[in-house]
Amino acid sequence: MTASAEIDLAMRDVISGHLGDLRVVSVDIRSDMDAEGDPILRIRVVYDPASGKFDPDRASDVLRRLLSRLDELGEQSFPLVSFVTESDARNLNSEAA
């Protein structure tokens, strides 16, 4: 398993394991650079709003857990996480096309 694949798998595990009943439809992870040239991970979590209520406290806990897991893996990228519903994701994808 490549380092990138190991990081992707770890991020997906943390996200899906810490959002309670909220069903995660997909997780898109992209390596990028911020304005200062520092490495970041752009993480978009698509969830099914019918599966439960989005809990901002759980979402912030996910970020804390992601940071901890990245540190364990020796990864220096900072995770930028966004949460979007399935319907909003479809709208965003159709606007980008």
C-alpha atoms as a PDB file:
ATOM      1  CA  MET A   1       0.000   0.000   0.000  1.00  0.00           C
ATOM      2  CA  THR A   2       1.396   3.401  -0.946  1.00  0.00           C
ATOM      3  CA  ALA A   3       1.696   6.144   1.677  1.00  0.00           C
ATOM      4  CA  SER A   4      -1.042   8.094  -0.103  1.00  0.00           C
ATOM      5  CA  ALA A   5      -3.379   5.090  -0.116  1.00  0.00           C
ATOM      6  CA  GLU A   6      -2.643   4.465   3.573  1.00  0.00           C
ATOM      7  CA  ILE A   7      -3.482   8.088   4.407  1.00  0.00           C
ATOM      8  CA  ASP A   8      -6.700   7.981   2.335  1.00  0.00           C
ATOM      9  CA  LEU A   9      -7.809   4.788   4.072  1.00  0.00           C
ATOM     10  CA  ALA A  10      -7.000   6.199   7.530  1.00  0.00           C
ATOM     11  CA  MET A  11      -8.914   9.424   6.801  1.00  0.00           C
ATOM     12  CA  ARG A  12     -11.951   7.492   5.547  1.00  0.00           C
ATOM     13  CA  ASP A  13     -11.900   5.247   8.635  1.00  0.00           C
ATOM     14  CA  VAL A  14     -11.765   8.209  11.017  1.00  0.00           C
ATOM     15  CA  ILE A  15     -14.567  10.048   9.215  1.00  0.00           C
ATOM     16  CA  SER A  16     -16.980   7.144   8.880  1.00  0.00           C
ATOM     17  CA  GLY A  17     -16.295   5.983  12.431  1.00  0.00           C
ATOM     18  CA  HIS A  18     -17.003   9.266  14.198  1.00  0.00           C
ATOM     19  CA  LEU A  19     -20.136  10.793  12.707  1.00  0.00           C
ATOM     20  CA  GLY A  20     -22.646   8.768  14.686  1.00  0.00           C
ATOM     21  CA  ASP A  21     -25.669   7.592  12.687  1.00  0.00           C
ATOM     22  CA  LEU A  22     -24.944   9.959   9.812  1.00  0.00           C
ATOM     23  CA  ARG A  23     -24.377   7.813   6.709  1.00  0.00           C
ATOM     24  CA  VAL A  24     -21.303   8.805   4.738  1.00  0.00           C
ATOM     25  CA  VAL A  25     -21.958   8.421   1.015  1.00  0.00           C
ATOM     26  CA  SER A  26     -18.462   9.281  -0.169  1.00  0.00           C
ATOM     27  CA  VAL A  27     -15.209  10.875   0.896  1.00  0.00           C
ATOM     28  CA  ASP A  28     -13.124  12.721  -1.682  1.00  0.00           C
ATOM     29  CA  ILE A  29      -9.523  13.413  -0.633  1.00  0.00           C
ATOM     30  CA  ARG A  30      -7.199  15.588  -2.692  1.00  0.00           C
ATOM     31  CA  SER A  31      -3.652  16.691  -1.900  1.00  0.00           C
ATOM     32  CA  ASP A  32      -3.075  20.387  -2.518  1.00  0.00           C
ATOM     33  CA  MET A  33      -1.076  23.398  -1.331  1.00  0.00           C
ATOM     34  CA  ASP A  34      -2.348  26.396   0.592  1.00  0.00           C
ATOM     35  CA  ALA A  35      -1.566  30.028  -0.318  1.00  0.00           C
ATOM     36  CA  GLU A  36       1.790  29.824   1.490  1.00  0.00           C
ATOM     37  CA  GLY A  37       2.755  26.611  -0.295  1.00  0.00           C
ATOM     38  CA  ASP A  38       2.165  24.343   2.696  1.00  0.00           C
ATOM     39  CA  PRO A  39       0.660  20.909   2.059  1.00  0.00           C
ATOM     40  CA  ILE A  40      -3.035  20.430   2.761  1.00  0.00           C
ATOM     41  CA  LEU A  41      -5.591  17.687   2.242  1.00  0.00           C
ATOM     42  CA  ARG A  42      -8.908  18.851   0.806  1.00  0.00           C
ATOM     43  CA  ILE A  43     -11.469  16.421   2.178  1.00  0.00           C
ATOM     44  CA  ARG A  44     -15.092  16.556   1.043  1.00  0.00           C
ATOM     45  CA  VAL A  45     -17.491  14.363   2.991  1.00  0.00           C
ATOM     46  CA  VAL A  46     -20.800  13.698   1.247  1.00  0.00           C
ATOM     47  CA  TYR A  47     -23.505  12.471   3.605  1.00  0.00           C
ATOM     48  CA  ASP A  48     -27.137  11.380   3.463  1.00  0.00           C
ATOM     49  CA  PRO A  49     -29.196  13.904   5.484  1.00  0.00           C
ATOM     50  CA  ALA A  50     -32.063  11.411   5.759  1.00  0.00           C
ATOM     51  CA  SER A  51     -29.839   9.153   7.888  1.00  0.00           C
ATOM     52  CA  GLY A  52     -29.608  11.602  10.775  1.00  0.00           C
ATOM     53  CA  LYS A  53     -29.016  15.157  11.880  1.00  0.00           C
ATOM     54  CA  PHE A  54     -25.679  16.766  11.091  1.00  0.00           C
ATOM     55  CA  ASP A  55     -23.925  17.445  14.394  1.00  0.00           C
ATOM     56  CA  PRO A  56     -21.327  20.276  14.269  1.00  0.00           C
ATOM     57  CA  ASP A  57     -19.763  19.018  17.513  1.00  0.00           C
ATOM     58  CA  ARG A  58     -19.112  15.628  15.939  1.00  0.00           C
ATOM     59  CA  ALA A  59     -17.731  17.334  12.843  1.00  0.00           C
ATOM     60  CA  SER A  60     -15.216  19.319  14.903  1.00  0.00           C
ATOM     61  CA  ASP A  61     -14.308  16.134  16.771  1.00  0.00           C
ATOM     62  CA  VAL A  62     -13.634  14.471  13.413  1.00  0.00           C
ATOM     63  CA  LEU A  63     -11.161  17.240  12.551  1.00  0.00           C
ATOM     64  CA  ARG A  64      -9.357  16.747  15.863  1.00  0.00           C
ATOM     65  CA  ARG A  65      -9.191  12.988  15.252  1.00  0.00           C
ATOM     66  CA  LEU A  66      -7.963  13.499  11.679  1.00  0.00           C
ATOM     67  CA  LEU A  67      -5.143  15.718  12.923  1.00  0.00           C
ATOM     68  CA  SER A  68      -4.169  13.115  15.501  1.00  0.00           C
ATOM     69  CA  ARG A  69      -4.223  10.284  12.952  1.00  0.00           C
ATOM     70  CA  LEU A  70      -2.191  12.269  10.421  1.00  0.00           C
ATOM     71  CA  ASP A  71       0.382  12.960  13.132  1.00  0.00           C
ATOM     72  CA  GLU A  72       0.567   9.227  13.922  1.00  0.00           C
ATOM     73  CA  LEU A  73       1.236   8.556  10.232  1.00  0.00           C
ATOM     74  CA  GLY A  74       3.917  11.245  10.070  1.00  0.00           C
ATOM     75  CA  GLU A  75       1.882  13.251   7.542  1.00  0.00           C
ATOM     76  CA  GLN A  76       2.393  17.020   7.657  1.00  0.00           C
ATOM     77  CA  SER A  77      -0.604  18.022   5.516  1.00  0.00           C
ATOM     78  CA  PHE A  78      -3.371  19.942   7.275  1.00  0.00           C
ATOM     79  CA  PRO A  79      -6.885  18.593   6.608  1.00  0.00           C
ATOM     80  CA  LEU A  80      -9.468  21.051   5.296  1.00  0.00           C
ATOM     81  CA  VAL A  81     -12.776  19.262   5.706  1.00  0.00           C
ATOM     82  CA  SER A  82     -16.113  20.207   4.175  1.00  0.00           C
ATOM     83  CA  PHE A  83     -19.403  18.420   4.715  1.00  0.00           C
ATOM     84  CA  VAL A  84     -22.046  18.449   1.992  1.00  0.00           C
ATOM     85  CA  THR A  85     -25.353  16.655   1.477  1.00  0.00           C
ATOM     86  CA  GLU A  86     -25.850  14.278  -1.447  1.00  0.00           C
ATOM     87  CA  SER A  87     -28.169  16.696  -3.253  1.00  0.00           C
ATOM     88  CA  ASP A  88     -25.795  19.624  -2.780  1.00  0.00           C
ATOM     89  CA  ALA A  89     -22.918  17.485  -4.039  1.00  0.00           C
ATOM     90  CA  ARG A  90     -24.898  16.645  -7.181  1.00  0.00           C
ATOM     91  CA  ASN A  91     -25.638  20.361  -7.710  1.00  0.00           C
ATOM     92  CA  LEU A  92     -21.989  21.278  -7.219  1.00  0.00           C
ATOM     93  CA  ASN A  93     -20.882  18.577  -9.649  1.00  0.00           C
ATOM     94  CA  SER A  94     -23.382  19.665 -12.323  1.00  0.00           C
ATOM     95  CA  GLU A  95     -22.293  23.321 -11.966  1.00  0.00           C
ATOM     96  CA  ALA A  96     -18.663  22.309 -12.416  1.00  0.00           C
ATOM     97  CA  ALA A  97     -19.431  20.419 -15.641  1.00  0.00           C
END
